[in-house]
Amino acid sequence: MWVGSKKAEIKTANLLAEHEKFVQHVTVSAGMYFGGKGRLHFVDESTKLDSAYYVGHLLRSVVND
């Protein structure tokens, strides 16, 4: 934020930004190709996303769609 005045002249409430510490999130895998787009694949948040999971689950489901 650009302000033309000194920091001391700005209200304290405008200087603070609050954020949640543990925000809920969703992991989604999506694909597109020359002929169109693929389906969305939602991944459980407790799943470890590594190459084995990608090849064994996500890639297999994309190819079979």
PDB file of N, CA and C in Angstrom:
ATOM      1  N   MET A   1       0.850  -1.176   0.000  1.00  0.00           N
ATOM      2  CA  MET A   1       0.000   0.000   0.000  1.00  0.00           C
ATOM      3  C   MET A   1       0.891   1.233   0.000  1.00  0.00           C
ATOM      4  N   TRP A   2       0.680   2.152  -0.896  1.00  0.00           N
ATOM      5  CA  TRP A   2       1.457   3.381  -0.976  1.00  0.00           C
ATOM      6  C   TRP A   2       0.716   4.472  -0.225  1.00  0.00           C
ATOM      7  N   VAL A   3       1.433   5.131   0.654  1.00  0.00           N
ATOM      8  CA  VAL A   3       0.831   6.197   1.460  1.00  0.00           C
ATOM      9  C   VAL A   3       1.733   7.415   1.353  1.00  0.00           C
ATOM     10  N   GLY A   4       1.128   8.569   1.177  1.00  0.00           N
ATOM     11  CA  GLY A   4       1.902   9.791   1.042  1.00  0.00           C
ATOM     12  C   GLY A   4       2.207  10.465   2.370  1.00  0.00           C
ATOM     13  N   SER A   5       1.826   9.853   3.478  1.00  0.00           N
ATOM     14  CA  SER A   5       2.075  10.455   4.785  1.00  0.00           C
ATOM     15  C   SER A   5       3.022   9.583   5.594  1.00  0.00           C
ATOM     16  N   LYS A   6       3.387  10.054   6.766  1.00  0.00           N
ATOM     17  CA  LYS A   6       4.283   9.314   7.646  1.00  0.00           C
ATOM     18  C   LYS A   6       3.545   8.163   8.325  1.00  0.00           C
ATOM     19  N   LYS A   7       4.301   7.138   8.705  1.00  0.00           N
ATOM     20  CA  LYS A   7       3.708   5.979   9.355  1.00  0.00           C
ATOM     21  C   LYS A   7       2.977   6.365  10.637  1.00  0.00           C
ATOM     22  N   ALA A   8       3.473   7.332  11.354  1.00  0.00           N
ATOM     23  CA  ALA A   8       2.857   7.763  12.610  1.00  0.00           C
ATOM     24  C   ALA A   8       1.476   8.374  12.386  1.00  0.00           C
ATOM     25  N   GLU A   9       1.207   8.873  11.181  1.00  0.00           N
ATOM     26  CA  GLU A   9      -0.072   9.507  10.887  1.00  0.00           C
ATOM     27  C   GLU A   9      -1.142   8.511  10.422  1.00  0.00           C
ATOM     28  N   ILE A  10      -0.773   7.261  10.239  1.00  0.00           N
ATOM     29  CA  ILE A  10      -1.707   6.241   9.763  1.00  0.00           C
ATOM     30  C   ILE A  10      -2.348   5.548  10.958  1.00  0.00           C
ATOM     31  N   LYS A  11      -3.640   5.281  10.864  1.00  0.00           N
ATOM     32  CA  LYS A  11      -4.341   4.588  11.947  1.00  0.00           C
ATOM     33  C   LYS A  11      -3.743   3.195  12.141  1.00  0.00           C
ATOM     34  N   THR A  12      -3.612   2.774  13.387  1.00  0.00           N
ATOM     35  CA  THR A  12      -3.039   1.471  13.715  1.00  0.00           C
ATOM     36  C   THR A  12      -3.838   0.335  13.078  1.00  0.00           C
ATOM     37  N   ALA A  13      -5.142   0.462  13.008  1.00  0.00           N
ATOM     38  CA  ALA A  13      -5.988  -0.575  12.418  1.00  0.00           C
ATOM     39  C   ALA A  13      -5.645  -0.812  10.949  1.00  0.00           C
ATOM     40  N   ASN A  14      -5.167   0.227  10.259  1.00  0.00           N
ATOM     41  CA  ASN A  14      -4.813   0.096   8.849  1.00  0.00           C
ATOM     42  C   ASN A  14      -3.435  -0.540   8.656  1.00  0.00           C
ATOM     43  N   LEU A  15      -2.642  -0.647   9.712  1.00  0.00           N
ATOM     44  CA  LEU A  15      -1.308  -1.228   9.614  1.00  0.00           C
ATOM     45  C   LEU A  15      -1.305  -2.725   9.885  1.00  0.00           C
ATOM     46  N   LEU A  16      -2.334  -3.230  10.519  1.00  0.00           N
ATOM     47  CA  LEU A  16      -2.387  -4.634  10.899  1.00  0.00           C
ATOM     48  C   LEU A  16      -3.140  -5.449   9.860  1.00  0.00           C
ATOM     49  N   ALA A  17      -2.627  -6.624   9.561  1.00  0.00           N
ATOM     50  CA  ALA A  17      -3.302  -7.564   8.666  1.00  0.00           C
ATOM     51  C   ALA A  17      -3.402  -8.893   9.394  1.00  0.00           C
ATOM     52  N   GLU A  18      -4.618  -9.390   9.582  1.00  0.00           N
ATOM     53  CA  GLU A  18      -4.822 -10.642  10.287  1.00  0.00           C
ATOM     54  C   GLU A  18      -5.003 -11.771   9.286  1.00  0.00           C
ATOM     55  N   HIS A  19      -4.410 -12.926   9.606  1.00  0.00           N
ATOM     56  CA  HIS A  19      -4.524 -14.112   8.770  1.00  0.00           C
ATOM     57  C   HIS A  19      -4.806 -15.315   9.666  1.00  0.00           C
ATOM     58  N   GLU A  20      -5.586 -16.242   9.144  1.00  0.00           N
ATOM     59  CA  GLU A  20      -5.806 -17.485   9.884  1.00  0.00           C
ATOM     60  C   GLU A  20      -4.537 -18.317   9.814  1.00  0.00           C
ATOM     61  N   LYS A  21      -4.237 -18.996  10.907  1.00  0.00           N
ATOM     62  CA  LYS A  21      -3.005 -19.772  10.952  1.00  0.00           C
ATOM     63  C   LYS A  21      -3.137 -21.088  10.191  1.00  0.00           C
ATOM     64  N   PHE A  22      -4.240 -21.785  10.366  1.00  0.00           N
ATOM     65  CA  PHE A  22      -4.445 -23.060   9.697  1.00  0.00           C
ATOM     66  C   PHE A  22      -5.682 -22.954   8.809  1.00  0.00           C
ATOM     67  N   VAL A  23      -5.483 -22.544   7.600  1.00  0.00           N
ATOM     68  CA  VAL A  23      -6.582 -22.342   6.663  1.00  0.00           C
ATOM     69  C   VAL A  23      -6.915 -23.678   5.993  1.00  0.00           C
ATOM     70  N   GLN A  24      -8.199 -23.974   5.859  1.00  0.00           N
ATOM     71  CA  GLN A  24      -8.608 -25.181   5.166  1.00  0.00           C
ATOM     72  C   GLN A  24      -8.304 -25.025   3.684  1.00  0.00           C
ATOM     73  N   HIS A  25      -7.933 -26.125   3.046  1.00  0.00           N
ATOM     74  CA  HIS A  25      -7.592 -26.054   1.634  1.00  0.00           C
ATOM     75  C   HIS A  25      -8.065 -27.314   0.924  1.00  0.00           C
ATOM     76  N   VAL A  26      -8.082 -27.227  -0.383  1.00  0.00           N
ATOM     77  CA  VAL A  26      -8.486 -28.335  -1.235  1.00  0.00           C
ATOM     78  C   VAL A  26      -7.421 -28.502  -2.306  1.00  0.00           C
ATOM     79  N   THR A  27      -7.008 -29.756  -2.560  1.00  0.00           N
ATOM     80  CA  THR A  27      -6.071 -30.031  -3.638  1.00  0.00           C
ATOM     81  C   THR A  27      -6.851 -30.614  -4.803  1.00  0.00           C
ATOM     82  N   VAL A  28      -6.671 -30.012  -5.964  1.00  0.00           N
ATOM     83  CA  VAL A  28      -7.410 -30.423  -7.156  1.00  0.00           C
ATOM     84  C   VAL A  28      -6.416 -30.643  -8.286  1.00  0.00           C
ATOM     85  N   SER A  29      -6.606 -31.722  -9.026  1.00  0.00           N
ATOM     86  CA  SER A  29      -5.806 -31.981 -10.211  1.00  0.00           C
ATOM     87  C   SER A  29      -6.712 -31.773 -11.421  1.00  0.00           C
ATOM     88  N   ALA A  30      -6.245 -31.029 -12.380  1.00  0.00           N
ATOM     89  CA  ALA A  30      -7.034 -30.750 -13.581  1.00  0.00           C
ATOM     90  C   ALA A  30      -6.136 -30.895 -14.794  1.00  0.00           C
ATOM     91  N   GLY A  31      -6.724 -31.223 -15.908  1.00  0.00           N
ATOM     92  CA  GLY A  31      -5.930 -31.373 -17.124  1.00  0.00           C
ATOM     93  C   GLY A  31      -6.667 -30.837 -18.333  1.00  0.00           C
ATOM     94  N   MET A  32      -5.891 -30.497 -19.342  1.00  0.00           N
ATOM     95  CA  MET A  32      -6.488 -30.085 -20.606  1.00  0.00           C
ATOM     96  C   MET A  32      -5.621 -30.630 -21.732  1.00  0.00           C
ATOM     97  N   TYR A  33      -6.204 -30.787 -22.868  1.00  0.00           N
ATOM     98  CA  TYR A  33      -5.503 -31.331 -24.015  1.00  0.00           C
ATOM     99  C   TYR A  33      -6.033 -30.658 -25.263  1.00  0.00           C
ATOM    100  N   PHE A  34      -5.491 -31.024 -26.412  1.00  0.00           N
ATOM    101  CA  PHE A  34      -5.854 -30.376 -27.665  1.00  0.00           C
ATOM    102  C   PHE A  34      -7.348 -30.435 -27.945  1.00  0.00           C
ATOM    103  N   GLY A  35      -7.981 -31.547 -27.614  1.00  0.00           N
ATOM    104  CA  GLY A  35      -9.393 -31.730 -27.928  1.00  0.00           C
ATOM    105  C   GLY A  35     -10.354 -31.192 -26.883  1.00  0.00           C
ATOM    106  N   GLY A  36      -9.864 -30.654 -25.785  1.00  0.00           N
ATOM    107  CA  GLY A  36     -10.773 -30.144 -24.769  1.00  0.00           C
ATOM    108  C   GLY A  36     -10.156 -30.132 -23.394  1.00  0.00           C
ATOM    109  N   LYS A  37     -10.963 -30.452 -22.413  1.00  0.00           N
ATOM    110  CA  LYS A  37     -10.499 -30.420 -21.031  1.00  0.00           C
ATOM    111  C   LYS A  37     -10.907 -31.695 -20.325  1.00  0.00           C
ATOM    112  N   GLY A  38     -10.148 -32.046 -19.283  1.00  0.00           N
ATOM    113  CA  GLY A  38     -10.448 -33.232 -18.500  1.00  0.00           C
ATOM    114  C   GLY A  38     -11.307 -32.893 -17.305  1.00  0.00           C
ATOM    115  N   ARG A  39     -11.614 -33.915 -16.537  1.00  0.00           N
ATOM    116  CA  ARG A  39     -12.403 -33.719 -15.327  1.00  0.00           C
ATOM    117  C   ARG A  39     -11.510 -33.234 -14.196  1.00  0.00           C
ATOM    118  N   LEU A  40     -12.135 -32.664 -13.186  1.00  0.00           N
ATOM    119  CA  LEU A  40     -11.421 -32.285 -11.975  1.00  0.00           C
ATOM    120  C   LEU A  40     -11.328 -33.501 -11.063  1.00  0.00           C
ATOM    121  N   HIS A  41     -10.167 -33.684 -10.453  1.00  0.00           N
ATOM    122  CA  HIS A  41      -9.960 -34.782  -9.520  1.00  0.00           C
ATOM    123  C   HIS A  41      -9.573 -34.182  -8.174  1.00  0.00           C
ATOM    124  N   PHE A  42     -10.424 -34.370  -7.169  1.00  0.00           N
ATOM    125  CA  PHE A  42     -10.171 -33.842  -5.840  1.00  0.00           C
ATOM    126  C   PHE A  42      -9.357 -34.851  -5.041  1.00  0.00           C
ATOM    127  N   VAL A  43      -8.311 -34.378  -4.395  1.00  0.00           N
ATOM    128  CA  VAL A  43      -7.408 -35.232  -3.638  1.00  0.00           C
ATOM    129  C   VAL A  43      -7.607 -34.956  -2.160  1.00  0.00           C
ATOM    130  N   ASP A  44      -7.744 -36.008  -1.362  1.00  0.00           N
ATOM    131  CA  ASP A  44      -7.912 -35.861   0.076  1.00  0.00           C
ATOM    132  C   ASP A  44      -6.705 -35.137   0.665  1.00  0.00           C
ATOM    133  N   GLU A  45      -6.940 -34.233   1.603  1.00  0.00           N
ATOM    134  CA  GLU A  45      -5.846 -33.412   2.143  1.00  0.00           C
ATOM    135  C   GLU A  45      -4.816 -34.208   2.935  1.00  0.00           C
ATOM    136  N   SER A  46      -5.154 -35.409   3.381  1.00  0.00           N
ATOM    137  CA  SER A  46      -4.196 -36.218   4.118  1.00  0.00           C
ATOM    138  C   SER A  46      -3.310 -37.064   3.192  1.00  0.00           C
ATOM    139  N   THR A  47      -3.558 -37.008   1.885  1.00  0.00           N
ATOM    140  CA  THR A  47      -2.802 -37.797   0.919  1.00  0.00           C
ATOM    141  C   THR A  47      -1.454 -37.155   0.647  1.00  0.00           C
ATOM    142  N   LYS A  48      -0.428 -37.977   0.603  1.00  0.00           N
ATOM    143  CA  LYS A  48       0.907 -37.500   0.243  1.00  0.00           C
ATOM    144  C   LYS A  48       0.991 -37.484  -1.281  1.00  0.00           C
ATOM    145  N   LEU A  49       1.118 -36.294  -1.853  1.00  0.00           N
ATOM    146  CA  LEU A  49       1.194 -36.164  -3.309  1.00  0.00           C
ATOM    147  C   LEU A  49       2.640 -36.337  -3.755  1.00  0.00           C
ATOM    148  N   ASP A  50       2.945 -37.507  -4.268  1.00  0.00           N
ATOM    149  CA  ASP A  50       4.269 -37.771  -4.802  1.00  0.00           C
ATOM    150  C   ASP A  50       4.105 -38.437  -6.171  1.00  0.00           C
ATOM    151  N   SER A  51       5.221 -38.795  -6.788  1.00  0.00           N
ATOM    152  CA  SER A  51       5.152 -39.359  -8.133  1.00  0.00           C
ATOM    153  C   SER A  51       4.395 -40.689  -8.156  1.00  0.00           C
ATOM    154  N   ALA A  52       4.547 -41.500  -7.106  1.00  0.00           N
ATOM    155  CA  ALA A  52       3.851 -42.784  -7.061  1.00  0.00           C
ATOM    156  C   ALA A  52       2.336 -42.580  -7.041  1.00  0.00           C
ATOM    157  N   TYR A  53       1.855 -41.620  -6.253  1.00  0.00           N
ATOM    158  CA  TYR A  53       0.415 -41.343  -6.202  1.00  0.00           C
ATOM    159  C   TYR A  53      -0.059 -40.790  -7.546  1.00  0.00           C
ATOM    160  N   TYR A  54       0.721 -39.901  -8.115  1.00  0.00           N
ATOM    161  CA  TYR A  54       0.343 -39.300  -9.401  1.00  0.00           C
ATOM    162  C   TYR A  54       0.203 -40.365 -10.481  1.00  0.00           C
ATOM    163  N   VAL A  55       1.210 -41.230 -10.621  1.00  0.00           N
ATOM    164  CA  VAL A  55       1.183 -42.266 -11.656  1.00  0.00           C
ATOM    165  C   VAL A  55       0.123 -43.315 -11.346  1.00  0.00           C
ATOM    166  N   GLY A  56       0.020 -43.727 -10.090  1.00  0.00           N
ATOM    167  CA  GLY A  56      -0.897 -44.796  -9.727  1.00  0.00           C
ATOM    168  C   GLY A  56      -2.358 -44.406  -9.689  1.00  0.00           C
ATOM    169  N   HIS A  57      -2.655 -43.154  -9.361  1.00  0.00           N
ATOM    170  CA  HIS A  57      -4.054 -42.747  -9.201  1.00  0.00           C
ATOM    171  C   HIS A  57      -4.492 -41.676 -10.199  1.00  0.00           C
ATOM    172  N   LEU A  58      -3.839 -40.548 -10.163  1.00  0.00           N
ATOM    173  CA  LEU A  58      -4.302 -39.434 -10.993  1.00  0.00           C
ATOM    174  C   LEU A  58      -4.110 -39.701 -12.479  1.00  0.00           C
ATOM    175  N   LEU A  59      -2.934 -40.140 -12.869  1.00  0.00           N
ATOM    176  CA  LEU A  59      -2.660 -40.367 -14.285  1.00  0.00           C
ATOM    177  C   LEU A  59      -3.565 -41.473 -14.840  1.00  0.00           C
ATOM    178  N   ARG A  60      -3.744 -42.515 -14.064  1.00  0.00           N
ATOM    179  CA  ARG A  60      -4.603 -43.622 -14.498  1.00  0.00           C
ATOM    180  C   ARG A  60      -6.034 -43.142 -14.704  1.00  0.00           C
ATOM    181  N   SER A  61      -6.557 -42.318 -13.815  1.00  0.00           N
ATOM    182  CA  SER A  61      -7.936 -41.848 -13.953  1.00  0.00           C
ATOM    183  C   SER A  61      -8.076 -40.848 -15.102  1.00  0.00           C
ATOM    184  N   VAL A  62      -7.027 -40.091 -15.390  1.00  0.00           N
ATOM    185  CA  VAL A  62      -7.076 -39.142 -16.515  1.00  0.00           C
ATOM    186  C   VAL A  62      -7.089 -39.912 -17.832  1.00  0.00           C
ATOM    187  N   VAL A  63      -6.264 -40.937 -17.945  1.00  0.00           N
ATOM    188  CA  VAL A  63      -6.168 -41.711 -19.171  1.00  0.00           C
ATOM    189  C   VAL A  63      -7.477 -42.483 -19.423  1.00  0.00           C
ATOM    190  N   ASN A  64      -8.115 -42.957 -18.373  1.00  0.00           N
ATOM    191  CA  ASN A  64      -9.339 -43.734 -18.512  1.00  0.00           C
ATOM    192  C   ASN A  64     -10.572 -42.880 -18.733  1.00  0.00           C
ATOM    193  N   ASP A  65     -10.502 -41.578 -18.547  1.00  0.00           N
ATOM    194  CA  ASP A  65     -11.682 -40.702 -18.730  1.00  0.00           C
ATOM    195  C   ASP A  65     -12.057 -40.556 -20.179  1.00  0.00           C
TER     196      ASP A  65
END
